[in-house]
Amino acid sequence: MYAITVREPGGPEMLEWSEVPDPVAGAGEVLIDVAASAVNRADLLQRQGHYPPPPGASEIIGLECAGRIAALGEGVTGWSVGDEVCALLAGGGYAQKVAVPAAQVLPVPDGVGLLAAAGLPEVACTVWSNIVATGRLQAGETFLVQGGSSGIGTHAIQVAKALGARVVATAAPTRADRCRELGADVVIDYHDDVPDQLTKATDGHGADVILDNMGAKGLAANVAALASDGRLLVIGMQGGTKAELNLNTLLRKRASVTAMSLRGRPVAGPHGKGAVVAGVRAQIWPMIADGRVRPVVQATFPMDRAAEAHRQLEAGGVVGKLLLEVPAG
């Protein structure tokens, strides 16, 4: 088969479409003929040599895909060859075929095309595991997502709105209207004093749940923006890894800070990827089926031109996801 490989760590020019050995479905796995994958910021880090795959995972970039089941490994039930599916991956998505644990496979949601489904597993599993499973976001609470126009952000806005929360998003002014179209009640320019603007917008309440991808750079502001009993969920480190935390502020608010990753989790267990995927199927897929949540895709590239998609994501300004479609033939 063909896949995108990285000649050596570096820029997008290091990506090339080349022939590699075919994967095989092991016990408990399915083999998927990939129709499309999607670009995530973790892919850029892996290409640069900063985010290696977990032990045992494919070295090929790609954390999600959509396609058709080509083969079933030993012991797999509930799926059939030819089923249209999408899947959460630990790696291997930028390829014509990928083997994945059956527990990480999802049916293509009703009303969504096969290609668009490729951009759902990573955002849906990240958002569900954070704001639903851990953050326990409830109807009537205030939810703040930092980076509302990103792939994660556009999905989180819609899910939080479907849950009945009041949704606040940060975004550049040029992308504020898009966040409002997706359901954000308030959009704050991320260049502004976000805690101050949030306080004004919520009559002093703050945010009950915050989803943040900046890490260290935004820690103090996020803690300041939390409401009493608030929950800050950190899923990225675009703004660095180390910062000072004022525990007194956290104590007074009875608040919590949780940092969570998805890729390195085990498949099985109460906090494993299989449990996350099951939660997404039970709670997020119905939101997609009835139209409350929709995929947000800015552009689709042929997979053999993945370098162009990486350049576009690095340049900024992308709203939603960039997809990579496997070339025909």
Protein backbone atom coordinates (compact mmCIF):
# COMPACT_ATOMS: atom_id res chain seq x y z
CA MET A 1 0.00 0.00 0.00
CA TYR A 2 0.94 3.68 -0.10
CA ALA A 3 1.17 5.97 2.90
CA ILE A 4 2.60 9.32 3.91
CA THR A 5 6.03 8.80 5.45
CA VAL A 6 8.42 11.30 7.05
CA ARG A 7 11.90 11.25 5.49
CA GLU A 8 13.33 12.90 8.59
CA PRO A 9 11.94 15.26 11.25
CA GLY A 10 11.34 18.72 9.84
CA GLY A 11 8.96 20.82 7.78
CA PRO A 12 6.06 19.79 5.55
CA GLU A 13 8.48 19.10 2.70
CA MET A 14 9.60 16.01 4.62
CA LEU A 15 6.26 14.30 3.94
CA GLU A 16 6.16 11.94 0.96
CA TRP A 17 3.66 9.46 -0.51
CA SER A 18 5.55 6.18 -0.67
CA GLU A 19 5.05 2.43 -0.66
CA VAL A 20 5.06 0.66 2.71
CA PRO A 21 4.09 -2.84 3.92
CA ASP A 22 0.38 -3.56 4.27
CA PRO A 23 -0.94 -3.73 7.86
CA VAL A 24 -2.71 -6.90 9.04
CA ALA A 25 -5.68 -7.09 11.40
CA GLY A 26 -4.57 -8.87 14.56
CA ALA A 27 -6.81 -10.40 17.19
CA GLY A 28 -9.49 -7.94 18.22
CA GLU A 29 -8.70 -5.60 15.33
CA VAL A 30 -10.31 -4.62 12.04
CA LEU A 31 -8.55 -3.65 8.82
CA ILE A 32 -9.95 -0.51 7.20
CA ASP A 33 -9.60 0.55 3.57
CA VAL A 34 -9.10 4.24 4.26
CA ALA A 35 -11.14 6.76 2.29
CA ALA A 36 -9.88 9.81 4.19
CA SER A 37 -8.02 10.99 7.26
CA ALA A 38 -7.81 14.43 8.88
CA VAL A 39 -5.03 16.77 9.98
CA ASN A 40 -4.56 17.44 13.70
CA ARG A 41 -1.98 19.64 15.42
CA ALA A 42 -0.48 16.51 16.94
CA ASP A 43 0.39 15.45 13.37
CA LEU A 44 2.52 18.57 12.93
CA LEU A 45 4.36 17.82 16.16
CA GLN A 46 4.98 14.20 15.11
CA ARG A 47 6.31 15.35 11.73
CA GLN A 48 8.72 17.66 13.55
CA GLY A 49 9.93 14.81 15.76
CA HIS A 50 8.32 16.13 18.98
CA TYR A 51 5.43 13.68 19.43
CA PRO A 52 6.37 10.03 18.83
CA PRO A 53 3.60 7.42 18.68
CA PRO A 54 2.90 5.29 21.76
CA PRO A 55 4.75 1.94 22.01
CA GLY A 56 3.36 -0.53 19.49
CA ALA A 57 1.49 2.06 17.43
CA SER A 58 2.10 2.71 13.74
CA GLU A 59 4.87 5.18 12.94
CA ILE A 60 2.67 6.58 10.17
CA ILE A 61 1.04 9.91 11.06
CA GLY A 62 -2.75 10.11 11.45
CA LEU A 63 -5.02 9.94 14.51
CA GLU A 64 -8.34 9.28 12.76
CA CYS A 65 -9.82 7.98 9.55
CA ALA A 66 -12.96 6.93 7.74
CA GLY A 67 -13.38 4.10 5.26
CA ARG A 68 -14.74 0.60 4.78
CA ILE A 69 -13.89 -2.53 6.75
CA ALA A 70 -11.72 -4.81 4.62
CA ALA A 71 -11.07 -7.65 7.09
CA LEU A 72 -11.89 -8.74 10.63
CA GLY A 73 -9.31 -10.03 13.06
CA GLU A 74 -9.85 -13.02 15.30
CA GLY A 75 -12.59 -12.56 17.88
CA VAL A 76 -14.15 -9.44 16.35
CA THR A 77 -17.94 -9.32 16.48
CA GLY A 78 -20.48 -6.63 15.70
CA TRP A 79 -18.83 -5.56 12.45
CA SER A 80 -18.89 -6.91 8.90
CA VAL A 81 -16.63 -6.55 5.89
CA GLY A 82 -17.87 -3.60 3.85
CA ASP A 83 -19.25 -1.60 6.78
CA GLU A 84 -18.66 2.14 6.45
CA VAL A 85 -16.89 3.29 9.60
CA CYS A 86 -14.67 5.91 11.14
CA ALA A 87 -12.07 5.24 13.80
CA LEU A 88 -9.93 6.77 16.52
CA LEU A 89 -6.29 5.80 15.92
CA ALA A 90 -3.02 5.88 17.83
CA GLY A 91 -1.36 6.32 14.41
CA GLY A 92 -1.51 5.12 10.82
CA GLY A 93 -4.29 7.26 9.36
CA TYR A 94 -2.31 8.82 6.50
CA ALA A 95 -2.41 5.58 4.50
CA GLN A 96 -4.51 3.46 2.17
CA LYS A 97 -5.11 0.87 4.91
CA VAL A 98 -4.93 0.82 8.69
CA ALA A 99 -5.44 -1.83 11.39
CA VAL A 100 -7.23 -0.62 14.51
CA PRO A 101 -8.71 -2.20 17.65
CA ALA A 102 -12.40 -2.88 17.04
CA ALA A 103 -13.24 -1.02 20.26
CA GLN A 104 -12.05 2.21 18.62
CA VAL A 105 -14.29 1.89 15.57
CA LEU A 106 -17.53 3.83 15.11
CA PRO A 107 -20.24 3.64 12.46
CA VAL A 108 -20.41 6.64 10.15
CA PRO A 109 -23.09 8.82 11.80
CA ASP A 110 -26.46 9.16 10.11
CA GLY A 111 -26.56 12.15 7.80
CA VAL A 112 -22.76 12.43 7.44
CA GLY A 113 -20.81 11.48 4.33
CA LEU A 114 -17.92 9.05 4.49
CA LEU A 115 -15.25 11.69 3.84
CA ALA A 116 -16.60 14.18 6.38
CA ALA A 117 -16.72 11.41 9.00
CA ALA A 118 -12.92 11.23 8.86
CA GLY A 119 -12.72 14.49 10.80
CA LEU A 120 -14.99 13.40 13.65
CA PRO A 121 -13.33 10.71 15.85
CA GLU A 122 -10.48 12.76 17.31
CA VAL A 123 -12.56 15.87 18.10
CA ALA A 124 -15.57 13.91 19.32
CA CYS A 125 -13.53 11.67 21.62
CA THR A 126 -11.50 14.61 22.94
CA VAL A 127 -14.56 16.76 23.61
CA TRP A 128 -16.67 13.97 25.13
CA SER A 129 -13.92 12.68 27.42
CA ASN A 130 -13.22 16.19 28.68
CA ILE A 131 -16.39 18.22 28.92
CA VAL A 132 -18.85 15.35 29.43
CA ALA A 133 -17.05 12.51 31.22
CA THR A 134 -14.59 14.56 33.29
CA GLY A 135 -15.97 18.11 33.19
CA ARG A 136 -19.57 16.99 33.86
CA LEU A 137 -20.93 20.00 31.98
CA GLN A 138 -24.60 20.50 32.82
CA ALA A 139 -27.47 22.40 31.26
CA GLY A 140 -27.49 25.99 32.47
CA GLU A 141 -23.76 26.09 33.21
CA THR A 142 -21.32 28.40 31.44
CA PHE A 143 -18.75 26.76 29.17
CA LEU A 144 -15.66 28.54 27.83
CA VAL A 145 -13.67 27.05 24.97
CA GLN A 146 -10.33 28.64 24.17
CA GLY A 147 -9.82 28.65 20.41
CA GLY A 148 -13.41 28.35 19.31
CA SER A 149 -12.67 28.22 15.57
CA SER A 150 -10.29 25.24 15.77
CA GLY A 151 -11.28 21.67 15.01
CA ILE A 152 -11.78 20.95 18.70
CA GLY A 153 -13.38 24.34 19.29
CA THR A 154 -15.99 24.15 16.54
CA HIS A 155 -17.06 20.71 17.80
CA ALA A 156 -17.00 21.72 21.48
CA ILE A 157 -19.22 24.76 20.85
CA GLN A 158 -21.88 22.57 19.27
CA VAL A 159 -21.74 19.79 21.87
CA ALA A 160 -21.88 22.24 24.79
CA LYS A 161 -24.84 24.00 23.18
CA ALA A 162 -26.59 20.66 22.66
CA LEU A 163 -26.06 19.91 26.36
CA GLY A 164 -27.87 23.14 27.23
CA ALA A 165 -24.88 25.17 28.39
CA ARG A 166 -24.26 28.87 27.84
CA VAL A 167 -21.30 28.85 25.45
CA VAL A 168 -18.46 31.37 25.39
CA ALA A 169 -15.64 31.07 22.86
CA THR A 170 -12.40 32.93 22.28
CA ALA A 171 -11.44 33.62 18.70
CA ALA A 172 -9.86 36.15 16.38
CA PRO A 173 -12.36 38.87 15.35
CA THR A 174 -12.35 37.58 11.77
CA ARG A 175 -13.65 34.21 12.96
CA ALA A 176 -16.07 35.39 15.65
CA ASP A 177 -19.15 35.22 13.44
CA ARG A 178 -18.40 31.62 12.53
CA CYS A 179 -18.31 30.71 16.23
CA ARG A 180 -21.67 32.44 16.72
CA GLU A 181 -23.14 30.52 13.77
CA LEU A 182 -22.12 27.29 15.48
CA GLY A 183 -23.88 28.26 18.70
CA ALA A 184 -21.56 30.46 20.76
CA ASP A 185 -23.58 32.91 22.84
CA VAL A 186 -20.57 35.13 23.50
CA VAL A 187 -17.31 35.45 21.56
CA ILE A 188 -14.29 37.15 23.13
CA ASP A 189 -11.29 38.36 21.17
CA TYR A 190 -8.47 36.18 22.47
CA HIS A 191 -6.18 39.25 22.45
CA ASP A 192 -8.37 40.88 25.13
CA ASP A 193 -8.37 40.34 28.88
CA VAL A 194 -10.44 37.16 28.72
CA PRO A 195 -11.24 36.82 32.47
CA ASP A 196 -12.39 40.45 32.58
CA GLN A 197 -14.55 40.11 29.47
CA LEU A 198 -15.97 36.83 30.73
CA THR A 199 -16.81 38.37 34.10
CA LYS A 200 -18.72 41.16 32.36
CA ALA A 201 -20.52 38.73 30.04
CA THR A 202 -21.61 36.45 32.89
CA ASP A 203 -22.48 39.09 35.51
CA GLY A 204 -19.51 38.05 37.61
CA HIS A 205 -20.15 34.28 37.50
CA GLY A 206 -17.26 33.11 35.32
CA ALA A 207 -17.00 29.73 33.60
CA ASP A 208 -18.11 26.46 35.17
CA VAL A 209 -16.08 24.47 32.64
CA ILE A 210 -13.12 25.64 30.53
CA LEU A 211 -11.54 23.66 27.70
CA ASP A 212 -8.03 24.96 26.97
CA ASN A 213 -5.36 24.00 24.44
CA MET A 214 -2.72 26.59 25.36
CA GLY A 215 -1.42 25.11 28.60
CA ALA A 216 1.10 27.20 30.54
CA LYS A 217 0.48 30.51 28.77
CA GLY A 218 -3.19 30.56 29.68
CA LEU A 219 -3.10 28.89 33.09
CA ALA A 220 -3.35 31.98 35.30
CA ALA A 221 -6.07 33.59 33.18
CA ASN A 222 -8.07 30.37 33.05
CA VAL A 223 -7.94 29.92 36.83
CA ALA A 224 -9.03 33.54 37.21
CA ALA A 225 -11.94 32.91 34.82
CA LEU A 226 -13.26 29.86 36.70
CA ALA A 227 -16.50 30.08 38.64
CA SER A 228 -16.83 28.55 42.09
CA ASP A 229 -16.58 24.75 41.76
CA GLY A 230 -15.23 25.32 38.23
CA ARG A 231 -13.38 22.72 36.21
CA LEU A 232 -10.42 23.63 33.97
CA LEU A 233 -9.56 20.96 31.40
CA VAL A 234 -6.17 21.32 29.69
CA ILE A 235 -5.74 19.35 26.46
CA GLY A 236 -2.79 21.08 24.79
CA MET A 237 0.48 22.86 25.37
CA GLN A 238 0.67 25.30 22.48
CA GLY A 239 1.56 27.98 25.03
CA GLY A 240 4.21 26.01 26.89
CA THR A 241 4.46 23.35 29.58
CA LYS A 242 5.43 25.16 32.79
CA ALA A 243 3.60 27.90 34.70
CA GLU A 244 3.01 29.03 38.27
CA LEU A 245 -0.31 27.97 39.78
CA ASN A 246 -1.94 30.04 42.54
CA LEU A 247 -3.33 27.31 44.80
CA ASN A 248 -5.01 29.88 47.03
CA THR A 249 -7.23 30.99 44.15
CA LEU A 250 -8.01 27.37 43.34
CA LEU A 251 -8.83 26.60 46.99
CA ARG A 252 -11.10 29.61 47.40
CA LYS A 253 -13.03 28.61 44.32
CA ARG A 254 -13.07 24.88 45.20
CA ALA A 255 -11.93 24.50 41.59
CA SER A 256 -9.95 21.81 39.79
CA VAL A 257 -7.38 21.63 37.00
CA THR A 258 -7.20 18.43 34.97
CA ALA A 259 -4.74 17.72 32.16
CA MET A 260 -5.81 14.97 29.80
CA SER A 261 -4.43 13.25 26.72
CA LEU A 262 -6.13 10.71 24.47
CA ARG A 263 -3.52 9.09 22.26
CA GLY A 264 -1.54 7.27 24.94
CA ARG A 265 -4.50 5.74 26.76
CA PRO A 266 -4.87 1.96 26.77
CA VAL A 267 -7.64 0.46 24.64
CA ALA A 268 -9.40 -1.31 27.52
CA GLY A 269 -10.33 -0.25 31.04
CA PRO A 270 -12.71 2.34 32.53
CA HIS A 271 -10.66 5.27 31.16
CA GLY A 272 -9.45 3.53 27.99
CA LYS A 273 -10.11 4.54 24.42
CA GLY A 274 -12.74 1.84 24.03
CA ALA A 275 -14.78 3.38 26.86
CA VAL A 276 -14.39 6.85 25.34
CA VAL A 277 -15.53 5.64 21.92
CA ALA A 278 -18.53 3.90 23.50
CA GLY A 279 -19.46 7.14 25.26
CA VAL A 280 -19.19 9.09 22.02
CA ARG A 281 -21.38 6.58 20.21
CA ALA A 282 -24.01 6.72 22.95
CA GLN A 283 -24.09 10.49 23.53
CA ILE A 284 -22.49 12.41 20.64
CA TRP A 285 -23.64 10.35 17.65
CA PRO A 286 -27.35 11.04 18.40
CA MET A 287 -26.55 14.77 18.45
CA ILE A 288 -25.03 14.40 14.98
CA ALA A 289 -27.90 12.26 13.69
CA ASP A 290 -30.50 14.88 14.64
CA GLY A 291 -28.44 17.80 13.33
CA ARG A 292 -27.49 19.50 16.60
CA VAL A 293 -23.81 18.78 15.90
CA ARG A 294 -22.27 18.76 12.42
CA PRO A 295 -18.75 18.24 11.06
CA VAL A 296 -16.99 21.50 10.25
CA VAL A 297 -14.59 21.09 7.32
CA GLN A 298 -12.68 23.96 5.74
CA ALA A 299 -10.91 22.09 2.94
CA THR A 300 -10.08 18.65 1.55
CA PHE A 301 -6.70 17.76 0.04
CA PRO A 302 -5.55 14.64 -1.80
CA MET A 303 -3.57 12.64 0.75
CA ASP A 304 -0.49 12.63 -1.45
CA ARG A 305 -0.51 16.43 -1.00
CA ALA A 306 -0.59 16.25 2.81
CA ALA A 307 2.29 18.74 2.95
CA GLU A 308 -0.03 21.47 1.61
CA ALA A 309 -2.57 20.73 4.33
CA HIS A 310 0.15 20.89 7.00
CA ARG A 311 1.29 24.26 5.66
CA GLN A 312 -2.25 25.61 5.75
CA LEU A 313 -2.84 24.50 9.35
CA GLU A 314 0.51 25.95 10.43
CA ALA A 315 -0.31 29.26 8.73
CA GLY A 316 -3.38 29.70 10.94
CA GLY A 317 -6.90 30.82 10.18
CA VAL A 318 -8.36 27.35 9.63
CA VAL A 319 -11.95 26.98 10.85
CA GLY A 320 -12.76 23.37 11.70
CA LYS A 321 -10.88 20.49 10.09
CA LEU A 322 -8.69 19.83 7.05
CA LEU A 323 -9.29 16.43 5.45
CA LEU A 324 -6.96 14.19 3.44
CA GLU A 325 -8.66 12.05 0.80
CA VAL A 326 -6.94 8.88 -0.40
CA PRO A 327 -6.26 9.16 -4.15
CA ALA A 328 -8.22 6.77 -6.37
CA GLY A 329 -6.38 3.76 -7.74
